[in-house]
PDB file of all heavy atoms in Angstrom:
ATOM      1  N   GLY A   1      48.827 -14.659  57.194  1.00  0.00           N
ATOM      2  CA  GLY A   1      47.613 -13.870  57.043  1.00  0.00           C
ATOM      3  C   GLY A   1      46.406 -14.677  56.634  1.00  0.00           C
ATOM      4  O   GLY A   1      45.305 -14.137  56.528  1.00  0.00           O
ATOM      5  N   CYS A   2      46.601 -15.966  56.395  1.00  0.00           N
ATOM      6  CA  CYS A   2      45.505 -16.819  55.943  1.00  0.00           C
ATOM      7  C   CYS A   2      45.253 -17.993  56.887  1.00  0.00           C
ATOM      8  O   CYS A   2      44.469 -18.882  56.562  1.00  0.00           O
ATOM      9  CB  CYS A   2      45.792 -17.350  54.538  1.00  0.00           C
ATOM     10  SG  CYS A   2      45.879 -16.068  53.253  1.00  0.00           S
ATOM     11  N   LYS A   3      45.914 -18.015  58.005  1.00  0.00           N
ATOM     12  CA  LYS A   3      45.728 -19.105  58.956  1.00  0.00           C
ATOM     13  C   LYS A   3      44.491 -18.851  59.824  1.00  0.00           C
ATOM     14  O   LYS A   3      44.039 -17.734  59.993  1.00  0.00           O
ATOM     15  CB  LYS A   3      46.961 -19.244  59.841  1.00  0.00           C
ATOM     16  CG  LYS A   3      48.238 -19.584  59.074  1.00  0.00           C
ATOM     17  CD  LYS A   3      49.434 -19.652  60.006  1.00  0.00           C
ATOM     18  CE  LYS A   3      50.710 -19.964  59.222  1.00  0.00           C
ATOM     19  NZ  LYS A   3      51.905 -19.997  60.105  1.00  0.00           N
ATOM     20  N   ASN A   4      43.960 -19.908  60.363  1.00  0.00           N
ATOM     21  CA  ASN A   4      42.841 -19.833  61.317  1.00  0.00           C
ATOM     22  C   ASN A   4      41.610 -19.148  60.750  1.00  0.00           C
ATOM     23  O   ASN A   4      40.890 -18.446  61.461  1.00  0.00           O
ATOM     24  CB  ASN A   4      43.286 -19.115  62.597  1.00  0.00           C
ATOM     25  CG  ASN A   4      44.469 -19.775  63.264  1.00  0.00           C
ATOM     26  OD1 ASN A   4      44.542 -21.001  63.336  1.00  0.00           O
ATOM     27  ND2 ASN A   4      45.403 -18.974  63.742  1.00  0.00           N
ATOM     28  N   LEU A   5      41.354 -19.345  59.462  1.00  0.00           N
ATOM     29  CA  LEU A   5      40.185 -18.731  58.834  1.00  0.00           C
ATOM     30  C   LEU A   5      38.994 -19.685  58.774  1.00  0.00           C
ATOM     31  O   LEU A   5      37.920 -19.294  58.346  1.00  0.00           O
ATOM     32  CB  LEU A   5      40.520 -18.259  57.419  1.00  0.00           C
ATOM     33  CG  LEU A   5      41.629 -17.208  57.285  1.00  0.00           C
ATOM     34  CD1 LEU A   5      41.738 -16.750  55.841  1.00  0.00           C
ATOM     35  CD2 LEU A   5      41.373 -16.026  58.200  1.00  0.00           C
ATOM     36  N   HIS A   6      39.192 -20.924  59.181  1.00  0.00           N
ATOM     37  CA  HIS A   6      38.117 -21.913  59.153  1.00  0.00           C
ATOM     38  C   HIS A   6      37.845 -22.342  60.588  1.00  0.00           C
ATOM     39  O   HIS A   6      38.665 -22.974  61.233  1.00  0.00           O
ATOM     40  CB  HIS A   6      38.516 -23.113  58.293  1.00  0.00           C
ATOM     41  CG  HIS A   6      38.828 -22.727  56.882  1.00  0.00           C
ATOM     42  ND1 HIS A   6      37.875 -22.691  55.897  1.00  0.00           N
ATOM     43  CD2 HIS A   6      39.981 -22.322  56.308  1.00  0.00           C
ATOM     44  CE1 HIS A   6      38.427 -22.299  54.763  1.00  0.00           C
ATOM     45  NE2 HIS A   6      39.696 -22.066  54.987  1.00  0.00           N
ATOM     46  N   TYR A   7      36.682 -21.963  61.093  1.00  0.00           N
ATOM     47  CA  TYR A   7      36.370 -22.197  62.503  1.00  0.00           C
ATOM     48  C   TYR A   7      34.868 -22.404  62.649  1.00  0.00           C
ATOM     49  O   TYR A   7      34.083 -22.111  61.745  1.00  0.00           O
ATOM     50  CB  TYR A   7      36.831 -21.006  63.352  1.00  0.00           C
ATOM     51  CG  TYR A   7      36.449 -19.664  62.794  1.00  0.00           C
ATOM     52  CD1 TYR A   7      35.218 -19.083  63.078  1.00  0.00           C
ATOM     53  CD2 TYR A   7      37.329 -18.972  61.957  1.00  0.00           C
ATOM     54  CE1 TYR A   7      34.858 -17.860  62.560  1.00  0.00           C
ATOM     55  CE2 TYR A   7      36.981 -17.744  61.426  1.00  0.00           C
ATOM     56  CZ  TYR A   7      35.748 -17.183  61.726  1.00  0.00           C
ATOM     57  OH  TYR A   7      35.395 -15.969  61.195  1.00  0.00           O
ATOM     58  N   LYS A   8      34.476 -22.925  63.786  1.00  0.00           N
ATOM     59  CA  LYS A   8      33.075 -23.235  64.025  1.00  0.00           C
ATOM     60  C   LYS A   8      32.292 -21.975  64.366  1.00  0.00           C
ATOM     61  O   LYS A   8      32.770 -21.112  65.099  1.00  0.00           O
ATOM     62  CB  LYS A   8      32.933 -24.264  65.153  1.00  0.00           C
ATOM     63  CG  LYS A   8      31.523 -24.829  65.295  1.00  0.00           C
ATOM     64  CD  LYS A   8      31.503 -25.954  66.296  1.00  0.00           C
ATOM     65  CE  LYS A   8      32.185 -27.203  65.781  1.00  0.00           C
ATOM     66  NZ  LYS A   8      31.433 -27.821  64.654  1.00  0.00           N
ATOM     67  N   ILE A   9      31.090 -21.849  63.807  1.00  0.00           N
ATOM     68  CA  ILE A   9      30.207 -20.723  64.047  1.00  0.00           C
ATOM     69  C   ILE A   9      28.872 -21.248  64.562  1.00  0.00           C
ATOM     70  O   ILE A   9      28.336 -22.216  64.028  1.00  0.00           O
ATOM     71  CB  ILE A   9      29.995 -19.901  62.751  1.00  0.00           C
ATOM     72  CG1 ILE A   9      31.311 -19.250  62.317  1.00  0.00           C
ATOM     73  CG2 ILE A   9      28.924 -18.832  62.952  1.00  0.00           C
ATOM     74  CD1 ILE A   9      31.190 -18.459  61.043  1.00  0.00           C
ATOM     75  N   LYS A  10      28.331 -20.603  65.583  1.00  0.00           N
ATOM     76  CA  LYS A  10      27.016 -20.981  66.102  1.00  0.00           C
ATOM     77  C   LYS A  10      25.927 -20.482  65.167  1.00  0.00           C
ATOM     78  O   LYS A  10      26.070 -19.443  64.518  1.00  0.00           O
ATOM     79  CB  LYS A  10      26.810 -20.362  67.488  1.00  0.00           C
ATOM     80  CG  LYS A  10      27.737 -20.877  68.548  1.00  0.00           C
ATOM     81  CD  LYS A  10      27.724 -20.014  69.797  1.00  0.00           C
ATOM     82  CE  LYS A  10      26.367 -19.984  70.475  1.00  0.00           C
ATOM     83  NZ  LYS A  10      26.419 -19.274  71.775  1.00  0.00           N
ATOM     84  N   TYR A  11      24.823 -21.236  65.107  1.00  0.00           N
ATOM     85  CA  TYR A  11      23.655 -20.732  64.399  1.00  0.00           C
ATOM     86  C   TYR A  11      23.056 -19.561  65.181  1.00  0.00           C
ATOM     87  O   TYR A  11      23.407 -19.326  66.336  1.00  0.00           O
ATOM     88  CB  TYR A  11      22.619 -21.841  64.226  1.00  0.00           C
ATOM     89  CG  TYR A  11      23.052 -22.920  63.260  1.00  0.00           C
ATOM     90  CD1 TYR A  11      23.315 -24.215  63.709  1.00  0.00           C
ATOM     91  CD2 TYR A  11      23.182 -22.654  61.899  1.00  0.00           C
ATOM     92  CE1 TYR A  11      23.719 -25.215  62.825  1.00  0.00           C
ATOM     93  CE2 TYR A  11      23.589 -23.643  61.013  1.00  0.00           C
ATOM     94  CZ  TYR A  11      23.853 -24.916  61.480  1.00  0.00           C
ATOM     95  OH  TYR A  11      24.251 -25.895  60.601  1.00  0.00           O
ATOM     96  N   ALA A  12      22.148 -18.831  64.551  1.00  0.00           N
ATOM     97  CA  ALA A  12      21.537 -17.673  65.203  1.00  0.00           C
ATOM     98  C   ALA A  12      20.754 -18.085  66.449  1.00  0.00           C
ATOM     99  O   ALA A  12      20.655 -17.321  67.405  1.00  0.00           O
ATOM    100  CB  ALA A  12      20.636 -16.928  64.224  1.00  0.00           C
ATOM    101  N   SER A  13      20.190 -19.261  66.427  1.00  0.00           N
ATOM    102  CA  SER A  13      19.527 -19.821  67.604  1.00  0.00           C
ATOM    103  C   SER A  13      19.772 -21.320  67.610  1.00  0.00           C
ATOM    104  O   SER A  13      20.238 -21.884  66.613  1.00  0.00           O
ATOM    105  CB  SER A  13      18.025 -19.512  67.599  1.00  0.00           C
ATOM    106  OG  SER A  13      17.399 -20.039  66.448  1.00  0.00           O
ATOM    107  N   GLN A  14      19.470 -21.958  68.711  1.00  0.00           N
ATOM    108  CA  GLN A  14      19.814 -23.371  68.856  1.00  0.00           C
ATOM    109  C   GLN A  14      19.151 -24.239  67.789  1.00  0.00           C
ATOM    110  O   GLN A  14      17.996 -24.034  67.418  1.00  0.00           O
ATOM    111  CB  GLN A  14      19.422 -23.865  70.234  1.00  0.00           C
ATOM    112  CG  GLN A  14      17.919 -23.892  70.440  1.00  0.00           C
ATOM    113  CD  GLN A  14      17.534 -24.813  71.572  1.00  0.00           C
ATOM    114  OE1 GLN A  14      18.374 -25.210  72.355  1.00  0.00           O
ATOM    115  NE2 GLN A  14      16.272 -25.147  71.655  1.00  0.00           N
ATOM    116  N   LEU A  15      19.892 -25.186  67.312  1.00  0.00           N
ATOM    117  CA  LEU A  15      19.390 -26.192  66.392  1.00  0.00           C
ATOM    118  C   LEU A  15      19.798 -27.535  66.981  1.00  0.00           C
ATOM    119  O   LEU A  15      20.967 -27.760  67.286  1.00  0.00           O
ATOM    120  CB  LEU A  15      20.001 -26.001  65.010  1.00  0.00           C
ATOM    121  CG  LEU A  15      19.248 -26.553  63.809  1.00  0.00           C
ATOM    122  CD1 LEU A  15      17.883 -25.892  63.686  1.00  0.00           C
ATOM    123  CD2 LEU A  15      20.042 -26.330  62.533  1.00  0.00           C
ATOM    124  N   VAL A  16      18.833 -28.428  67.161  1.00  0.00           N
ATOM    125  CA  VAL A  16      19.079 -29.689  67.863  1.00  0.00           C
ATOM    126  C   VAL A  16      18.961 -30.843  66.875  1.00  0.00           C
ATOM    127  O   VAL A  16      18.011 -30.896  66.080  1.00  0.00           O
ATOM    128  CB  VAL A  16      18.061 -29.877  69.011  1.00  0.00           C
ATOM    129  CG1 VAL A  16      18.337 -31.150  69.778  1.00  0.00           C
ATOM    130  CG2 VAL A  16      18.107 -28.682  69.942  1.00  0.00           C
ATOM    131  N   ASN A  17      19.917 -31.771  66.898  1.00  0.00           N
ATOM    132  CA  ASN A  17      19.825 -32.921  66.006  1.00  0.00           C
ATOM    133  C   ASN A  17      18.931 -34.001  66.621  1.00  0.00           C
ATOM    134  O   ASN A  17      18.390 -33.840  67.711  1.00  0.00           O
ATOM    135  CB  ASN A  17      21.212 -33.466  65.645  1.00  0.00           C
ATOM    136  CG  ASN A  17      21.958 -34.021  66.854  1.00  0.00           C
ATOM    137  OD1 ASN A  17      21.368 -34.381  67.868  1.00  0.00           O
ATOM    138  ND2 ASN A  17      23.275 -34.096  66.738  1.00  0.00           N
ATOM    139  N   ALA A  18      18.775 -35.111  65.905  1.00  0.00           N
ATOM    140  CA  ALA A  18      17.852 -36.160  66.343  1.00  0.00           C
ATOM    141  C   ALA A  18      18.273 -36.800  67.659  1.00  0.00           C
ATOM    142  O   ALA A  18      17.462 -37.433  68.333  1.00  0.00           O
ATOM    143  CB  ALA A  18      17.729 -37.224  65.257  1.00  0.00           C
ATOM    144  N   SER A  19      19.547 -36.610  68.047  1.00  0.00           N
ATOM    145  CA  SER A  19      20.034 -37.153  69.315  1.00  0.00           C
ATOM    146  C   SER A  19      19.910 -36.150  70.448  1.00  0.00           C
ATOM    147  O   SER A  19      20.337 -36.429  71.576  1.00  0.00           O
ATOM    148  CB  SER A  19      21.503 -37.585  69.167  1.00  0.00           C
ATOM    149  OG  SER A  19      21.629 -38.603  68.187  1.00  0.00           O
ATOM    150  N   GLY A  20      19.348 -34.966  70.157  1.00  0.00           N
ATOM    151  CA  GLY A  20      19.162 -33.956  71.184  1.00  0.00           C
ATOM    152  C   GLY A  20      20.402 -33.141  71.487  1.00  0.00           C
ATOM    153  O   GLY A  20      20.500 -32.520  72.538  1.00  0.00           O
ATOM    154  N   ILE A  21      21.373 -33.124  70.547  1.00  0.00           N
ATOM    155  CA  ILE A  21      22.610 -32.377  70.742  1.00  0.00           C
ATOM    156  C   ILE A  21      22.516 -31.052  70.003  1.00  0.00           C
ATOM    157  O   ILE A  21      22.178 -31.022  68.816  1.00  0.00           O
ATOM    158  CB  ILE A  21      23.829 -33.166  70.226  1.00  0.00           C
ATOM    159  CG1 ILE A  21      23.889 -34.553  70.883  1.00  0.00           C
ATOM    160  CG2 ILE A  21      25.117 -32.392  70.482  1.00  0.00           C
ATOM    161  CD1 ILE A  21      24.066 -34.526  72.371  1.00  0.00           C
ATOM    162  N   THR A  22      22.822 -29.949  70.693  1.00  0.00           N
ATOM    163  CA  THR A  22      22.812 -28.642  70.035  1.00  0.00           C
ATOM    164  C   THR A  22      23.976 -28.562  69.058  1.00  0.00           C
ATOM    165  O   THR A  22      25.083 -29.005  69.345  1.00  0.00           O
ATOM    166  CB  THR A  22      22.917 -27.508  71.058  1.00  0.00           C
ATOM    167  OG1 THR A  22      24.060 -27.723  71.892  1.00  0.00           O
ATOM    168  CG2 THR A  22      21.677 -27.458  71.930  1.00  0.00           C
ATOM    169  N   GLN A  23      23.707 -27.958  67.888  1.00  0.00           N
ATOM    170  CA  GLN A  23      24.665 -27.997  66.796  1.00  0.00           C
ATOM    171  C   GLN A  23      25.305 -26.643  66.535  1.00  0.00           C
ATOM    172  O   GLN A  23      24.713 -25.604  66.754  1.00  0.00           O
ATOM    173  CB  GLN A  23      23.969 -28.458  65.516  1.00  0.00           C
ATOM    174  CG  GLN A  23      23.339 -29.839  65.613  1.00  0.00           C
ATOM    175  CD  GLN A  23      22.663 -30.226  64.338  1.00  0.00           C
ATOM    176  OE1 GLN A  23      23.298 -30.502  63.333  1.00  0.00           O
ATOM    177  NE2 GLN A  23      21.341 -30.220  64.355  1.00  0.00           N
ATOM    178  N   GLY A  24      26.539 -26.697  66.024  1.00  0.00           N
ATOM    179  CA  GLY A  24      27.213 -25.544  65.447  1.00  0.00           C
ATOM    180  C   GLY A  24      27.410 -25.841  63.975  1.00  0.00           C
ATOM    181  O   GLY A  24      26.853 -26.798  63.443  1.00  0.00           O
ATOM    182  N   THR A  25      28.187 -25.039  63.295  1.00  0.00           N
ATOM    183  CA  THR A  25      28.435 -25.287  61.887  1.00  0.00           C
ATOM    184  C   THR A  25      29.828 -24.813  61.531  1.00  0.00           C
ATOM    185  O   THR A  25      30.435 -24.033  62.271  1.00  0.00           O
ATOM    186  CB  THR A  25      27.405 -24.557  61.000  1.00  0.00           C
ATOM    187  OG1 THR A  25      27.620 -24.920  59.626  1.00  0.00           O
ATOM    188  CG2 THR A  25      27.526 -23.047  61.129  1.00  0.00           C
ATOM    189  N   ASN A  26      30.349 -25.281  60.416  1.00  0.00           N
ATOM    190  CA  ASN A  26      31.569 -24.728  59.848  1.00  0.00           C
ATOM    191  C   ASN A  26      31.223 -24.127  58.493  1.00  0.00           C
ATOM    192  O   ASN A  26      30.485 -24.739  57.718  1.00  0.00           O
ATOM    193  CB  ASN A  26      32.635 -25.811  59.648  1.00  0.00           C
ATOM    194  CG  ASN A  26      33.250 -26.259  60.958  1.00  0.00           C
ATOM    195  OD1 ASN A  26      33.717 -25.448  61.733  1.00  0.00           O
ATOM    196  ND2 ASN A  26      33.231 -27.555  61.208  1.00  0.00           N
ATOM    197  N   ILE A  27      31.691 -22.904  58.230  1.00  0.00           N
ATOM    198  CA  ILE A  27      31.555 -22.402  56.872  1.00  0.00           C
ATOM    199  C   ILE A  27      32.382 -23.324  55.992  1.00  0.00           C
ATOM    200  O   ILE A  27      33.549 -23.567  56.255  1.00  0.00           O
ATOM    201  CB  ILE A  27      32.059 -20.951  56.758  1.00  0.00           C
ATOM    202  CG1 ILE A  27      31.164 -20.016  57.569  1.00  0.00           C
ATOM    203  CG2 ILE A  27      32.085 -20.508  55.301  1.00  0.00           C
ATOM    204  CD1 ILE A  27      31.588 -18.569  57.534  1.00  0.00           C
ATOM    205  N   THR A  28      31.758 -23.875  54.954  1.00  0.00           N
ATOM    206  CA  THR A  28      32.426 -24.845  54.101  1.00  0.00           C
ATOM    207  C   THR A  28      33.733 -24.276  53.568  1.00  0.00           C
ATOM    208  O   THR A  28      33.902 -23.073  53.472  1.00  0.00           O
ATOM    209  CB  THR A  28      31.498 -25.242  52.940  1.00  0.00           C
ATOM    210  OG1 THR A  28      30.221 -25.583  53.480  1.00  0.00           O
ATOM    211  CG2 THR A  28      32.035 -26.428  52.177  1.00  0.00           C
ATOM    212  N   ASN A  29      34.629 -25.147  53.215  1.00  0.00           N
ATOM    213  CA  ASN A  29      35.989 -24.754  52.861  1.00  0.00           C
ATOM    214  C   ASN A  29      36.037 -23.987  51.539  1.00  0.00           C
ATOM    215  O   ASN A  29      36.402 -24.531  50.496  1.00  0.00           O
ATOM    216  CB  ASN A  29      36.864 -26.010  52.779  1.00  0.00           C
ATOM    217  CG  ASN A  29      38.326 -25.680  52.724  1.00  0.00           C
ATOM    218  OD1 ASN A  29      38.742 -24.604  53.118  1.00  0.00           O
ATOM    219  ND2 ASN A  29      39.121 -26.613  52.222  1.00  0.00           N
ATOM    220  N   HIS A  30      35.661 -22.704  51.587  1.00  0.00           N
ATOM    221  CA  HIS A  30      35.696 -21.851  50.409  1.00  0.00           C
ATOM    222  C   HIS A  30      36.864 -20.886  50.500  1.00  0.00           C
ATOM    223  O   HIS A  30      37.365 -20.603  51.592  1.00  0.00           O
ATOM    224  CB  HIS A  30      34.392 -21.045  50.298  1.00  0.00           C
ATOM    225  CG  HIS A  30      33.164 -21.896  50.235  1.00  0.00           C
ATOM    226  ND1 HIS A  30      33.008 -22.908  49.320  1.00  0.00           N
ATOM    227  CD2 HIS A  30      32.039 -21.887  50.982  1.00  0.00           C
ATOM    228  CE1 HIS A  30      31.834 -23.491  49.504  1.00  0.00           C
ATOM    229  NE2 HIS A  30      31.225 -22.892  50.510  1.00  0.00           N
ATOM    230  N   PRO A  31      37.325 -20.347  49.361  1.00  0.00           N
ATOM    231  CA  PRO A  31      38.371 -19.312  49.412  1.00  0.00           C
ATOM    232  C   PRO A  31      37.877 -18.091  50.160  1.00  0.00           C
ATOM    233  O   PRO A  31      36.679 -17.842  50.260  1.00  0.00           O
ATOM    234  CB  PRO A  31      38.631 -19.003  47.929  1.00  0.00           C
ATOM    235  CG  PRO A  31      37.402 -19.460  47.213  1.00  0.00           C
ATOM    236  CD  PRO A  31      36.889 -20.630  47.988  1.00  0.00           C
ATOM    237  N   ARG A  32      38.823 -17.317  50.697  1.00  0.00           N
ATOM    238  CA  ARG A  32      38.498 -16.194  51.567  1.00  0.00           C
ATOM    239  C   ARG A  32      39.080 -14.878  51.022  1.00  0.00           C
ATOM    240  O   ARG A  32      40.074 -14.863  50.311  1.00  0.00           O
ATOM    241  CB  ARG A  32      39.076 -16.393  52.971  1.00  0.00           C
ATOM    242  CG  ARG A  32      38.700 -17.693  53.696  1.00  0.00           C
ATOM    243  CD  ARG A  32      37.222 -17.762  53.988  1.00  0.00           C
ATOM    244  NE  ARG A  32      36.899 -18.597  55.131  1.00  0.00           N
ATOM    245  CZ  ARG A  32      36.373 -19.801  55.057  1.00  0.00           C
ATOM    246  NH1 ARG A  32      36.137 -20.355  53.890  1.00  0.00           N
ATOM    247  NH2 ARG A  32      36.061 -20.471  56.152  1.00  0.00           N
ATOM    248  N   ILE A  33      38.438 -13.787  51.456  1.00  0.00           N
ATOM    249  CA  ILE A  33      38.985 -12.447  51.299  1.00  0.00           C
ATOM    250  C   ILE A  33      39.101 -11.865  52.697  1.00  0.00           C
ATOM    251  O   ILE A  33      38.136 -11.899  53.463  1.00  0.00           O
ATOM    252  CB  ILE A  33      38.077 -11.552  50.433  1.00  0.00           C
ATOM    253  CG1 ILE A  33      37.900 -12.138  49.032  1.00  0.00           C
ATOM    254  CG2 ILE A  33      38.645 -10.136  50.340  1.00  0.00           C
ATOM    255  CD1 ILE A  33      36.835 -11.434  48.203  1.00  0.00           C
ATOM    256  N   VAL A  34      40.270 -11.362  53.053  1.00  0.00           N
ATOM    257  CA  VAL A  34      40.476 -10.753  54.358  1.00  0.00           C
ATOM    258  C   VAL A  34      40.638  -9.251  54.167  1.00  0.00           C
ATOM    259  O   VAL A  34      41.563  -8.807  53.476  1.00  0.00           O
ATOM    260  CB  VAL A  34      41.712 -11.334  55.071  1.00  0.00           C
ATOM    261  CG1 VAL A  34      41.870 -10.713  56.452  1.00  0.00           C
ATOM    262  CG2 VAL A  34      41.606 -12.850  55.184  1.00  0.00           C
ATOM    263  N   LEU A  35      39.737  -8.463  54.759  1.00  0.00           N
ATOM    264  CA  LEU A  35      39.788  -7.012  54.621  1.00  0.00           C
ATOM    265  C   LEU A  35      40.723  -6.400  55.658  1.00  0.00           C
ATOM    266  O   LEU A  35      41.105  -7.042  56.635  1.00  0.00           O
ATOM    267  CB  LEU A  35      38.383  -6.423  54.769  1.00  0.00           C
ATOM    268  CG  LEU A  35      37.304  -6.985  53.842  1.00  0.00           C
ATOM    269  CD1 LEU A  35      36.023  -6.159  53.962  1.00  0.00           C
ATOM    270  CD2 LEU A  35      37.776  -7.017  52.394  1.00  0.00           C
ATOM    271  N   ASN A  36      41.068  -5.131  55.445  1.00  0.00           N
ATOM    272  CA  ASN A  36      42.002  -4.451  56.341  1.00  0.00           C
ATOM    273  C   ASN A  36      41.506  -4.388  57.776  1.00  0.00           C
ATOM    274  O   ASN A  36      42.310  -4.365  58.716  1.00  0.00           O
ATOM    275  CB  ASN A  36      42.260  -3.027  55.838  1.00  0.00           C
ATOM    276  CG  ASN A  36      43.144  -3.007  54.604  1.00  0.00           C
ATOM    277  OD1 ASN A  36      43.954  -3.900  54.403  1.00  0.00           O
ATOM    278  ND2 ASN A  36      42.986  -1.988  53.772  1.00  0.00           N
ATOM    279  N   ASP A  37      40.182  -4.333  57.972  1.00  0.00           N
ATOM    280  CA  ASP A  37      39.642  -4.209  59.331  1.00  0.00           C
ATOM    281  C   ASP A  37      39.408  -5.556  59.999  1.00  0.00           C
ATOM    282  O   ASP A  37      38.841  -5.626  61.084  1.00  0.00           O
ATOM    283  CB  ASP A  37      38.350  -3.392  59.320  1.00  0.00           C
ATOM    284  CG  ASP A  37      37.213  -4.088  58.573  1.00  0.00           C
ATOM    285  OD1 ASP A  37      37.431  -5.175  58.001  1.00  0.00           O
ATOM    286  OD2 ASP A  37      36.099  -3.537  58.556  1.00  0.00           O
ATOM    287  N   GLY A  38      39.831  -6.647  59.340  1.00  0.00           N
ATOM    288  CA  GLY A  38      39.692  -7.982  59.926  1.00  0.00           C
ATOM    289  C   GLY A  38      38.462  -8.739  59.486  1.00  0.00           C
ATOM    290  O   GLY A  38      38.297  -9.917  59.843  1.00  0.00           O
TER     291      GLY A  38
END
Protein backbone atom coordinates (compact mmCIF):
# COMPACT_ATOMS: atom_id res chain seq x y z
CA GLY A 1 0.00 0.00 0.00
CA CYS A 2 3.02 2.29 0.13
CA LYS A 3 4.82 1.39 -3.08
CA ASN A 4 5.09 3.67 -6.10
CA LEU A 5 4.30 6.82 -4.13
CA HIS A 6 7.33 8.75 -5.39
CA TYR A 7 7.04 9.70 -9.05
CA LYS A 8 7.73 12.57 -11.40
CA ILE A 9 5.16 15.37 -11.67
CA LYS A 10 5.00 18.02 -14.39
CA TYR A 11 4.91 21.68 -13.46
CA ALA A 12 1.70 23.58 -14.22
CA SER A 13 3.39 24.99 -17.31
CA GLN A 14 6.71 24.42 -19.01
CA LEU A 15 9.86 25.37 -17.17
CA VAL A 16 13.08 25.33 -19.21
CA ASN A 17 16.58 25.00 -17.76
CA ALA A 18 19.67 26.84 -19.03
CA SER A 19 20.26 24.04 -21.56
CA GLY A 20 16.79 24.49 -23.05
CA ILE A 21 15.41 21.23 -21.62
CA THR A 22 11.83 21.21 -20.31
CA GLN A 23 11.75 20.13 -16.68
CA GLY A 24 9.61 17.96 -14.43
CA THR A 25 9.94 17.56 -10.69
CA ASN A 26 9.80 14.97 -7.95
CA ILE A 27 7.96 15.65 -4.73
CA THR A 28 10.82 15.41 -2.25
CA ASN A 29 11.03 12.22 -0.25
CA HIS A 30 8.53 13.06 2.50
CA PRO A 31 6.26 10.69 4.45
CA ARG A 32 2.85 10.10 2.89
CA ILE A 33 -0.79 9.70 3.84
CA VAL A 34 -2.89 7.57 1.49
CA LEU A 35 -6.64 8.20 1.67
CA ASN A 36 -9.37 5.67 0.91
CA ASP A 37 -10.14 7.30 -2.46
CA GLY A 38 -6.50 7.10 -3.61
